[in-house]
N, C-alpha and C. Protein backbone atom coordinates (compact mmCIF):
# COMPACT_ATOMS: atom_id res chain seq x y z
N MET A 1 7.70 38.26 -24.31
CA MET A 1 7.62 37.66 -22.99
C MET A 1 6.31 38.03 -22.30
N LYS A 2 5.78 39.22 -22.63
CA LYS A 2 4.51 39.64 -22.06
C LYS A 2 3.42 38.63 -22.43
N TYR A 3 3.41 38.19 -23.67
CA TYR A 3 2.39 37.25 -24.11
C TYR A 3 2.58 35.88 -23.48
N PHE A 4 3.82 35.48 -23.20
CA PHE A 4 4.06 34.22 -22.50
C PHE A 4 3.42 34.28 -21.12
N ALA A 5 3.56 35.39 -20.42
CA ALA A 5 2.96 35.54 -19.09
C ALA A 5 1.43 35.45 -19.18
N ILE A 6 0.85 36.05 -20.22
CA ILE A 6 -0.60 35.97 -20.42
C ILE A 6 -1.02 34.52 -20.67
N LEU A 7 -0.27 33.82 -21.53
CA LEU A 7 -0.59 32.42 -21.83
C LEU A 7 -0.54 31.57 -20.57
N MET A 8 0.51 31.73 -19.77
CA MET A 8 0.64 30.94 -18.55
C MET A 8 -0.48 31.26 -17.57
N SER A 9 -0.89 32.52 -17.49
CA SER A 9 -2.00 32.90 -16.61
C SER A 9 -3.28 32.19 -17.02
N PHE A 10 -3.54 32.11 -18.35
CA PHE A 10 -4.71 31.39 -18.83
C PHE A 10 -4.65 29.92 -18.44
N ILE A 11 -3.50 29.30 -18.62
CA ILE A 11 -3.38 27.87 -18.33
C ILE A 11 -3.57 27.62 -16.84
N ILE A 12 -2.86 28.37 -16.01
CA ILE A 12 -2.96 28.15 -14.56
C ILE A 12 -4.36 28.41 -14.07
N SER A 13 -5.01 29.48 -14.53
CA SER A 13 -6.37 29.74 -14.06
C SER A 13 -7.33 28.67 -14.54
N GLY A 14 -7.11 28.13 -15.72
CA GLY A 14 -7.95 27.05 -16.22
C GLY A 14 -7.82 25.79 -15.40
N ILE A 15 -6.64 25.52 -14.92
CA ILE A 15 -6.40 24.31 -14.14
C ILE A 15 -7.03 24.41 -12.76
N LEU A 16 -7.13 25.59 -12.22
CA LEU A 16 -7.54 25.73 -10.83
C LEU A 16 -9.02 26.00 -10.63
N VAL A 17 -9.84 25.85 -11.68
CA VAL A 17 -11.27 26.10 -11.54
C VAL A 17 -12.01 24.80 -11.26
N SER A 18 -13.30 24.93 -10.96
CA SER A 18 -14.12 23.74 -10.73
C SER A 18 -14.13 22.88 -11.97
N CYS A 19 -14.24 21.58 -11.76
CA CYS A 19 -14.12 20.64 -12.86
C CYS A 19 -15.32 19.73 -12.90
N SER A 20 -15.55 19.13 -14.06
CA SER A 20 -16.63 18.16 -14.20
C SER A 20 -16.06 16.84 -14.67
N SER A 21 -16.78 15.77 -14.40
CA SER A 21 -16.22 14.44 -14.63
C SER A 21 -16.35 13.99 -16.07
N ASP A 22 -15.64 12.93 -16.39
CA ASP A 22 -15.79 12.26 -17.68
C ASP A 22 -16.71 11.07 -17.50
N ASP A 23 -17.03 10.39 -18.58
CA ASP A 23 -18.00 9.30 -18.51
C ASP A 23 -17.43 7.94 -18.87
N GLY A 24 -16.16 7.83 -19.26
CA GLY A 24 -15.70 6.60 -19.85
C GLY A 24 -14.92 5.66 -18.96
N ASN A 25 -14.82 5.91 -17.68
CA ASN A 25 -13.96 5.09 -16.84
C ASN A 25 -14.76 4.05 -16.07
N ASN A 26 -14.18 2.86 -15.88
CA ASN A 26 -14.78 1.84 -15.04
C ASN A 26 -14.44 2.14 -13.59
N SER A 27 -15.44 2.06 -12.73
CA SER A 27 -15.24 2.40 -11.33
C SER A 27 -15.26 1.16 -10.46
N LYS A 28 -14.53 1.26 -9.34
CA LYS A 28 -14.54 0.21 -8.33
C LYS A 28 -14.97 0.86 -7.02
N ILE A 29 -16.22 0.61 -6.62
CA ILE A 29 -16.75 1.18 -5.39
C ILE A 29 -17.17 0.04 -4.48
N THR A 30 -16.45 -0.10 -3.35
CA THR A 30 -16.75 -1.19 -2.42
C THR A 30 -16.92 -0.71 -0.99
N SER A 31 -16.98 0.62 -0.77
CA SER A 31 -17.06 1.15 0.58
C SER A 31 -17.84 2.45 0.58
N SER A 32 -18.12 2.97 1.76
CA SER A 32 -18.79 4.26 1.91
C SER A 32 -17.77 5.38 1.82
N ILE A 33 -18.21 6.52 1.29
CA ILE A 33 -17.33 7.68 1.18
C ILE A 33 -17.26 8.45 2.49
N GLU A 34 -18.18 8.20 3.39
CA GLU A 34 -18.24 8.94 4.65
C GLU A 34 -16.97 8.74 5.46
N GLY A 35 -16.53 9.83 6.09
CA GLY A 35 -15.34 9.80 6.92
C GLY A 35 -14.31 10.81 6.44
N GLU A 36 -13.12 10.74 7.05
CA GLU A 36 -12.05 11.69 6.73
C GLU A 36 -11.06 11.06 5.76
N TRP A 37 -10.71 11.83 4.72
CA TRP A 37 -9.77 11.41 3.69
C TRP A 37 -8.62 12.40 3.63
N THR A 38 -7.41 11.88 3.53
CA THR A 38 -6.20 12.71 3.46
C THR A 38 -5.59 12.59 2.07
N ALA A 39 -5.33 13.73 1.45
CA ALA A 39 -4.74 13.74 0.10
C ALA A 39 -3.36 13.10 0.12
N SER A 40 -3.11 12.20 -0.85
CA SER A 40 -1.80 11.57 -0.95
C SER A 40 -1.11 11.85 -2.28
N ASP A 41 -1.87 12.21 -3.30
CA ASP A 41 -1.27 12.47 -4.61
C ASP A 41 -2.28 13.22 -5.47
N LEU A 42 -1.78 14.13 -6.31
CA LEU A 42 -2.61 14.89 -7.21
C LEU A 42 -1.80 15.20 -8.46
N ASP A 43 -2.31 14.79 -9.60
CA ASP A 43 -1.63 15.03 -10.88
C ASP A 43 -2.61 15.64 -11.87
N TYR A 44 -2.13 16.60 -12.66
CA TYR A 44 -2.91 17.22 -13.73
C TYR A 44 -2.21 16.97 -15.05
N SER A 45 -2.97 16.93 -16.13
CA SER A 45 -2.39 16.93 -17.47
C SER A 45 -3.41 17.54 -18.40
N GLY A 46 -2.93 18.00 -19.56
CA GLY A 46 -3.87 18.56 -20.51
C GLY A 46 -3.19 19.31 -21.62
N THR A 47 -4.02 19.95 -22.42
CA THR A 47 -3.58 20.75 -23.55
C THR A 47 -4.40 22.02 -23.59
N THR A 48 -3.73 23.11 -23.85
CA THR A 48 -4.42 24.38 -24.09
C THR A 48 -4.06 24.84 -25.49
N THR A 49 -5.07 25.22 -26.26
CA THR A 49 -4.86 25.75 -27.60
C THR A 49 -5.20 27.23 -27.58
N PHE A 50 -4.24 28.07 -27.98
CA PHE A 50 -4.43 29.51 -28.04
C PHE A 50 -4.49 29.95 -29.49
N VAL A 51 -5.35 30.92 -29.75
CA VAL A 51 -5.35 31.59 -31.05
C VAL A 51 -5.07 33.06 -30.77
N PHE A 52 -3.95 33.54 -31.32
CA PHE A 52 -3.50 34.91 -31.09
C PHE A 52 -3.03 35.48 -32.42
N ASN A 53 -3.62 36.59 -32.82
CA ASN A 53 -3.28 37.23 -34.10
C ASN A 53 -3.34 36.23 -35.26
N GLY A 54 -4.33 35.36 -35.25
CA GLY A 54 -4.51 34.40 -36.34
C GLY A 54 -3.61 33.17 -36.27
N GLU A 55 -2.70 33.12 -35.31
CA GLU A 55 -1.82 31.97 -35.16
C GLU A 55 -2.33 31.06 -34.03
N THR A 56 -2.20 29.76 -34.26
CA THR A 56 -2.60 28.78 -33.25
C THR A 56 -1.36 28.25 -32.54
N ILE A 57 -1.42 28.25 -31.21
CA ILE A 57 -0.32 27.75 -30.39
C ILE A 57 -0.88 26.68 -29.46
N ASN A 58 -0.29 25.49 -29.50
CA ASN A 58 -0.69 24.40 -28.60
C ASN A 58 0.31 24.30 -27.47
N VAL A 59 -0.22 24.18 -26.27
CA VAL A 59 0.61 24.05 -25.08
C VAL A 59 0.17 22.79 -24.33
N ASP A 60 1.07 21.82 -24.20
CA ASP A 60 0.81 20.64 -23.39
C ASP A 60 1.36 20.89 -22.00
N PHE A 61 0.69 20.37 -20.99
CA PHE A 61 1.17 20.58 -19.63
C PHE A 61 0.91 19.37 -18.76
N VAL A 62 1.75 19.23 -17.75
CA VAL A 62 1.56 18.25 -16.69
C VAL A 62 1.82 18.97 -15.37
N GLY A 63 1.16 18.52 -14.34
CA GLY A 63 1.34 19.13 -13.04
C GLY A 63 1.36 18.07 -11.96
N GLU A 64 2.20 18.28 -10.98
CA GLU A 64 2.30 17.36 -9.85
C GLU A 64 2.26 18.15 -8.56
N ALA A 65 1.39 17.72 -7.64
CA ALA A 65 1.23 18.41 -6.37
C ALA A 65 2.37 18.08 -5.41
N TYR A 66 2.65 19.02 -4.54
CA TYR A 66 3.61 18.83 -3.45
C TYR A 66 3.12 19.63 -2.24
N ASP A 67 3.74 19.43 -1.10
CA ASP A 67 3.33 20.10 0.14
C ASP A 67 1.83 19.95 0.37
N MET A 68 1.35 18.72 0.25
CA MET A 68 -0.08 18.46 0.40
C MET A 68 -0.44 18.22 1.86
N ASN A 69 -1.41 18.98 2.35
CA ASN A 69 -1.96 18.72 3.68
C ASN A 69 -3.48 18.85 3.64
N ASN A 70 -4.06 18.54 2.50
CA ASN A 70 -5.49 18.67 2.27
C ASN A 70 -6.25 17.46 2.80
N THR A 71 -7.37 17.72 3.47
CA THR A 71 -8.27 16.65 3.90
C THR A 71 -9.69 16.98 3.46
N LEU A 72 -10.46 15.94 3.22
CA LEU A 72 -11.89 16.05 2.96
C LEU A 72 -12.60 15.19 3.99
N VAL A 73 -13.64 15.75 4.63
CA VAL A 73 -14.44 15.00 5.58
C VAL A 73 -15.87 14.97 5.05
N PHE A 74 -16.33 13.75 4.73
CA PHE A 74 -17.70 13.56 4.24
C PHE A 74 -18.57 13.12 5.40
N ASN A 75 -19.61 13.91 5.70
CA ASN A 75 -20.57 13.61 6.76
C ASN A 75 -21.91 13.26 6.12
N SER A 76 -22.76 12.55 6.90
CA SER A 76 -24.11 12.26 6.42
C SER A 76 -25.14 12.84 7.38
N ASN A 77 -26.35 13.03 6.87
CA ASN A 77 -27.49 13.55 7.64
C ASN A 77 -27.21 14.84 8.37
N PRO A 78 -26.91 15.94 7.72
CA PRO A 78 -26.98 16.14 6.27
C PRO A 78 -25.65 15.77 5.60
N ASN A 79 -25.72 15.56 4.28
CA ASN A 79 -24.53 15.22 3.50
C ASN A 79 -23.70 16.48 3.27
N THR A 80 -22.70 16.68 4.12
CA THR A 80 -21.81 17.83 3.98
C THR A 80 -20.39 17.33 3.77
N VAL A 81 -19.61 18.15 3.11
CA VAL A 81 -18.18 17.88 2.96
C VAL A 81 -17.43 19.10 3.48
N ILE A 82 -16.42 18.84 4.29
CA ILE A 82 -15.59 19.90 4.84
C ILE A 82 -14.19 19.70 4.29
N SER A 83 -13.70 20.72 3.62
CA SER A 83 -12.36 20.67 3.02
C SER A 83 -11.44 21.57 3.84
N SER A 84 -10.28 21.04 4.18
CA SER A 84 -9.31 21.86 4.90
C SER A 84 -7.92 21.59 4.36
N GLY A 85 -7.03 22.53 4.59
CA GLY A 85 -5.66 22.39 4.14
C GLY A 85 -5.46 22.87 2.72
N TYR A 86 -4.22 22.75 2.28
CA TYR A 86 -3.82 23.28 0.98
C TYR A 86 -2.86 22.33 0.30
N TYR A 87 -2.57 22.65 -0.96
CA TYR A 87 -1.52 21.96 -1.70
C TYR A 87 -0.88 22.97 -2.64
N SER A 88 0.29 22.63 -3.12
CA SER A 88 0.98 23.42 -4.13
C SER A 88 1.18 22.52 -5.33
N ILE A 89 1.40 23.13 -6.49
CA ILE A 89 1.56 22.32 -7.69
C ILE A 89 2.66 22.90 -8.58
N GLU A 90 3.45 22.00 -9.15
CA GLU A 90 4.47 22.39 -10.13
C GLU A 90 3.94 21.99 -11.51
N LEU A 91 3.80 22.98 -12.38
CA LEU A 91 3.29 22.75 -13.73
C LEU A 91 4.43 22.89 -14.72
N THR A 92 4.54 21.90 -15.61
CA THR A 92 5.54 21.94 -16.67
C THR A 92 4.81 22.05 -18.00
N PHE A 93 5.16 23.10 -18.77
CA PHE A 93 4.51 23.40 -20.04
C PHE A 93 5.48 23.15 -21.18
N LYS A 94 4.98 22.60 -22.28
CA LYS A 94 5.76 22.47 -23.50
C LYS A 94 5.06 23.29 -24.58
N MET A 95 5.79 24.32 -25.06
CA MET A 95 5.22 25.24 -26.03
C MET A 95 6.29 25.66 -27.03
N LEU A 96 5.98 25.51 -28.31
CA LEU A 96 6.87 25.94 -29.39
C LEU A 96 8.28 25.36 -29.22
N GLY A 97 8.35 24.10 -28.80
CA GLY A 97 9.63 23.42 -28.66
C GLY A 97 10.39 23.76 -27.39
N GLU A 98 9.84 24.57 -26.55
CA GLU A 98 10.48 24.96 -25.29
C GLU A 98 9.70 24.39 -24.12
N GLU A 99 10.38 24.21 -22.99
CA GLU A 99 9.73 23.71 -21.78
C GLU A 99 9.87 24.77 -20.69
N TYR A 100 8.76 25.03 -20.01
CA TYR A 100 8.71 26.02 -18.94
C TYR A 100 8.11 25.38 -17.70
N THR A 101 8.52 25.85 -16.53
CA THR A 101 7.97 25.35 -15.28
C THR A 101 7.49 26.52 -14.44
N GLU A 102 6.29 26.38 -13.91
CA GLU A 102 5.70 27.37 -13.02
C GLU A 102 5.19 26.65 -11.78
N THR A 103 5.09 27.35 -10.68
CA THR A 103 4.49 26.78 -9.47
C THR A 103 3.34 27.67 -9.01
N ALA A 104 2.38 27.04 -8.38
CA ALA A 104 1.28 27.74 -7.73
C ALA A 104 1.17 27.14 -6.33
N GLU A 105 1.07 28.00 -5.33
CA GLU A 105 1.11 27.52 -3.95
C GLU A 105 -0.18 27.85 -3.20
N ASP A 106 -0.39 27.11 -2.12
CA ASP A 106 -1.49 27.32 -1.19
C ASP A 106 -2.85 27.30 -1.89
N LEU A 107 -3.10 26.21 -2.63
CA LEU A 107 -4.35 26.04 -3.36
C LEU A 107 -5.30 25.14 -2.59
N GLU A 108 -6.60 25.37 -2.75
CA GLU A 108 -7.62 24.50 -2.17
C GLU A 108 -8.17 23.63 -3.28
N PHE A 109 -8.49 22.38 -2.96
CA PHE A 109 -9.11 21.52 -3.96
C PHE A 109 -10.60 21.80 -4.06
N LEU A 110 -11.30 21.73 -2.97
CA LEU A 110 -12.74 21.99 -2.93
C LEU A 110 -13.05 22.97 -1.82
N GLU A 111 -14.19 23.63 -1.95
CA GLU A 111 -14.71 24.42 -0.84
C GLU A 111 -15.73 23.56 -0.11
N ASP A 112 -16.01 23.91 1.13
CA ASP A 112 -17.03 23.20 1.89
C ASP A 112 -18.36 23.25 1.13
N GLY A 113 -19.16 22.22 1.30
CA GLY A 113 -20.46 22.23 0.63
C GLY A 113 -21.26 21.00 0.98
N THR A 114 -22.26 20.73 0.16
CA THR A 114 -23.06 19.52 0.30
C THR A 114 -22.66 18.56 -0.80
N TRP A 115 -22.84 17.27 -0.55
CA TRP A 115 -22.43 16.27 -1.53
C TRP A 115 -23.56 15.30 -1.80
N SER A 116 -23.51 14.72 -3.00
CA SER A 116 -24.42 13.63 -3.35
C SER A 116 -23.65 12.65 -4.22
N LEU A 117 -24.08 11.40 -4.16
CA LEU A 117 -23.43 10.34 -4.91
C LEU A 117 -24.49 9.61 -5.72
N SER A 118 -24.26 9.55 -7.03
CA SER A 118 -25.17 8.83 -7.92
C SER A 118 -24.32 7.90 -8.77
N GLY A 119 -24.37 6.60 -8.45
CA GLY A 119 -23.48 5.66 -9.14
C GLY A 119 -22.04 6.00 -8.80
N ASP A 120 -21.24 6.30 -9.84
CA ASP A 120 -19.85 6.68 -9.60
C ASP A 120 -19.61 8.18 -9.74
N LYS A 121 -20.68 8.98 -9.77
CA LYS A 121 -20.57 10.43 -9.89
C LYS A 121 -20.75 11.09 -8.53
N LEU A 122 -19.71 11.79 -8.09
CA LEU A 122 -19.74 12.54 -6.85
C LEU A 122 -19.95 14.01 -7.19
N THR A 123 -20.99 14.62 -6.65
CA THR A 123 -21.28 16.03 -6.89
C THR A 123 -21.15 16.78 -5.58
N VAL A 124 -20.39 17.88 -5.60
CA VAL A 124 -20.25 18.76 -4.44
C VAL A 124 -20.77 20.13 -4.85
N ILE A 125 -21.70 20.65 -4.05
CA ILE A 125 -22.31 21.95 -4.34
C ILE A 125 -21.95 22.93 -3.24
N ASN A 126 -21.45 24.09 -3.66
CA ASN A 126 -21.13 25.19 -2.76
C ASN A 126 -21.77 26.44 -3.35
N GLY A 127 -22.84 26.90 -2.74
CA GLY A 127 -23.54 28.06 -3.29
C GLY A 127 -24.05 27.74 -4.68
N ASP A 128 -23.64 28.53 -5.68
CA ASP A 128 -24.08 28.29 -7.05
C ASP A 128 -23.05 27.52 -7.87
N GLU A 129 -21.97 27.06 -7.22
CA GLU A 129 -20.95 26.27 -7.92
C GLU A 129 -21.17 24.78 -7.67
N SER A 130 -21.04 24.01 -8.73
CA SER A 130 -21.20 22.57 -8.65
C SER A 130 -19.97 21.91 -9.25
N THR A 131 -19.38 20.97 -8.52
CA THR A 131 -18.23 20.22 -8.99
C THR A 131 -18.63 18.75 -9.08
N VAL A 132 -18.48 18.17 -10.27
CA VAL A 132 -18.83 16.77 -10.48
C VAL A 132 -17.55 16.01 -10.77
N MET A 133 -17.34 14.91 -10.05
CA MET A 133 -16.14 14.10 -10.20
C MET A 133 -16.53 12.65 -10.40
N LEU A 134 -15.71 11.91 -11.09
CA LEU A 134 -15.90 10.48 -11.25
C LEU A 134 -15.11 9.78 -10.14
N ILE A 135 -15.75 8.84 -9.46
CA ILE A 135 -15.03 8.03 -8.49
C ILE A 135 -14.45 6.84 -9.24
N LYS A 136 -13.15 6.83 -9.39
CA LYS A 136 -12.46 5.72 -10.06
C LYS A 136 -12.34 4.53 -9.12
N GLU A 137 -12.05 4.83 -7.85
CA GLU A 137 -11.93 3.77 -6.85
C GLU A 137 -12.35 4.31 -5.49
N LEU A 138 -13.14 3.52 -4.77
CA LEU A 138 -13.54 3.85 -3.41
C LEU A 138 -13.56 2.55 -2.63
N THR A 139 -12.53 2.37 -1.79
CA THR A 139 -12.43 1.20 -0.93
C THR A 139 -12.36 1.69 0.51
N GLU A 140 -12.22 0.78 1.44
CA GLU A 140 -12.14 1.16 2.85
C GLU A 140 -11.01 2.17 3.11
N HIS A 141 -9.89 2.06 2.38
CA HIS A 141 -8.72 2.88 2.66
C HIS A 141 -8.26 3.78 1.52
N ARG A 142 -8.97 3.78 0.39
CA ARG A 142 -8.49 4.53 -0.77
C ARG A 142 -9.65 5.15 -1.55
N LEU A 143 -9.45 6.41 -1.96
CA LEU A 143 -10.42 7.14 -2.78
C LEU A 143 -9.65 7.78 -3.93
N ILE A 144 -10.03 7.44 -5.18
CA ILE A 144 -9.41 8.07 -6.35
C ILE A 144 -10.51 8.80 -7.11
N LEU A 145 -10.32 10.10 -7.27
CA LEU A 145 -11.27 10.95 -7.99
C LEU A 145 -10.66 11.39 -9.32
N ILE A 146 -11.46 11.39 -10.37
CA ILE A 146 -11.04 11.86 -11.69
C ILE A 146 -11.87 13.10 -12.01
N ILE A 147 -11.19 14.15 -12.41
CA ILE A 147 -11.88 15.36 -12.83
C ILE A 147 -11.43 15.70 -14.24
N GLU A 148 -12.36 16.12 -15.07
CA GLU A 148 -12.04 16.55 -16.42
C GLU A 148 -12.84 17.81 -16.72
N GLU A 149 -12.22 18.70 -17.46
CA GLU A 149 -12.89 19.94 -17.83
C GLU A 149 -12.39 20.43 -19.17
N GLU A 150 -13.28 21.07 -19.86
CA GLU A 150 -12.91 21.83 -21.05
C GLU A 150 -13.38 23.25 -20.81
N GLU A 151 -12.46 24.20 -20.90
CA GLU A 151 -12.80 25.59 -20.64
C GLU A 151 -12.41 26.43 -21.85
N ILE A 152 -13.32 27.31 -22.24
CA ILE A 152 -13.09 28.20 -23.38
C ILE A 152 -13.09 29.63 -22.88
N ILE A 153 -12.05 30.38 -23.25
CA ILE A 153 -11.94 31.78 -22.88
C ILE A 153 -11.74 32.57 -24.17
N ASP A 154 -12.60 33.57 -24.40
CA ASP A 154 -12.46 34.43 -25.57
C ASP A 154 -12.31 35.87 -25.12
N LEU A 155 -11.20 36.49 -25.50
CA LEU A 155 -10.96 37.90 -25.25
C LEU A 155 -10.75 38.58 -26.60
N GLU A 156 -10.55 39.90 -26.60
CA GLU A 156 -10.39 40.63 -27.86
C GLU A 156 -9.23 40.13 -28.70
N GLU A 157 -8.05 39.96 -28.09
CA GLU A 157 -6.85 39.62 -28.84
C GLU A 157 -6.49 38.15 -28.81
N ILE A 158 -7.07 37.40 -27.88
CA ILE A 158 -6.64 36.02 -27.70
C ILE A 158 -7.82 35.17 -27.26
N SER A 159 -7.84 33.93 -27.73
CA SER A 159 -8.83 32.98 -27.26
C SER A 159 -8.10 31.69 -26.91
N SER A 160 -8.69 30.92 -26.01
CA SER A 160 -8.05 29.67 -25.62
C SER A 160 -9.10 28.61 -25.33
N THR A 161 -8.70 27.37 -25.56
CA THR A 161 -9.49 26.21 -25.18
C THR A 161 -8.57 25.29 -24.40
N ALA A 162 -8.93 25.01 -23.15
CA ALA A 162 -8.11 24.16 -22.29
C ALA A 162 -8.86 22.87 -22.01
N LYS A 163 -8.18 21.74 -22.20
CA LYS A 163 -8.70 20.42 -21.83
C LYS A 163 -7.82 19.90 -20.72
N ILE A 164 -8.43 19.69 -19.55
CA ILE A 164 -7.68 19.39 -18.34
C ILE A 164 -8.20 18.10 -17.71
N LYS A 165 -7.28 17.26 -17.24
CA LYS A 165 -7.66 16.06 -16.50
C LYS A 165 -6.85 16.03 -15.21
N GLY A 166 -7.52 15.75 -14.11
CA GLY A 166 -6.85 15.62 -12.83
C GLY A 166 -7.17 14.29 -12.19
N VAL A 167 -6.17 13.70 -11.55
CA VAL A 167 -6.34 12.45 -10.81
C VAL A 167 -5.94 12.75 -9.37
N LEU A 168 -6.89 12.58 -8.45
CA LEU A 168 -6.67 12.90 -7.05
C LEU A 168 -6.77 11.63 -6.22
N ASN A 169 -5.76 11.36 -5.44
CA ASN A 169 -5.72 10.18 -4.58
C ASN A 169 -5.81 10.59 -3.12
N TYR A 170 -6.73 9.93 -2.39
CA TYR A 170 -6.90 10.16 -0.97
C TYR A 170 -6.81 8.82 -0.25
N ILE A 171 -6.36 8.87 0.99
CA ILE A 171 -6.29 7.66 1.83
C ILE A 171 -6.93 7.96 3.19
N ARG A 172 -7.27 6.85 3.89
CA ARG A 172 -7.71 7.01 5.28
C ARG A 172 -7.24 5.83 6.09
């Protein structure tokens, strides 16, 4: 059970880090991103592969946000983004034929920073951290962001590779 707790810690920490976008999606951008956006839905999915004592363990997971009160405010001149509020997420893991559920509460999506938009790539910079997201849809009333990341963690006894995708929906 100790190792299960370690595995879940790796997965949850991998999901909650800064993410970078993918390149294969068609985008629909018909409006400006400037203004206030309120989170309406957030879903995660992915796979984490662990190698422990020479054995490989694959863990598939899905996550759905709840108790969302997160907002993003995009300003111009200068291009700043202000993030406020939190969300919680319920993660369901499938590992070795078993299903487990964990929750993480009071999470932030982004930290305040500066933003830039190049085509359908939205970049937010906070200090030395950069988050790149794909804008799947940006209309007068809807913003859909796609985030994808691959994270590799190597420790003495265990290594993991996590592939994570998040779909974030905002409205105004």
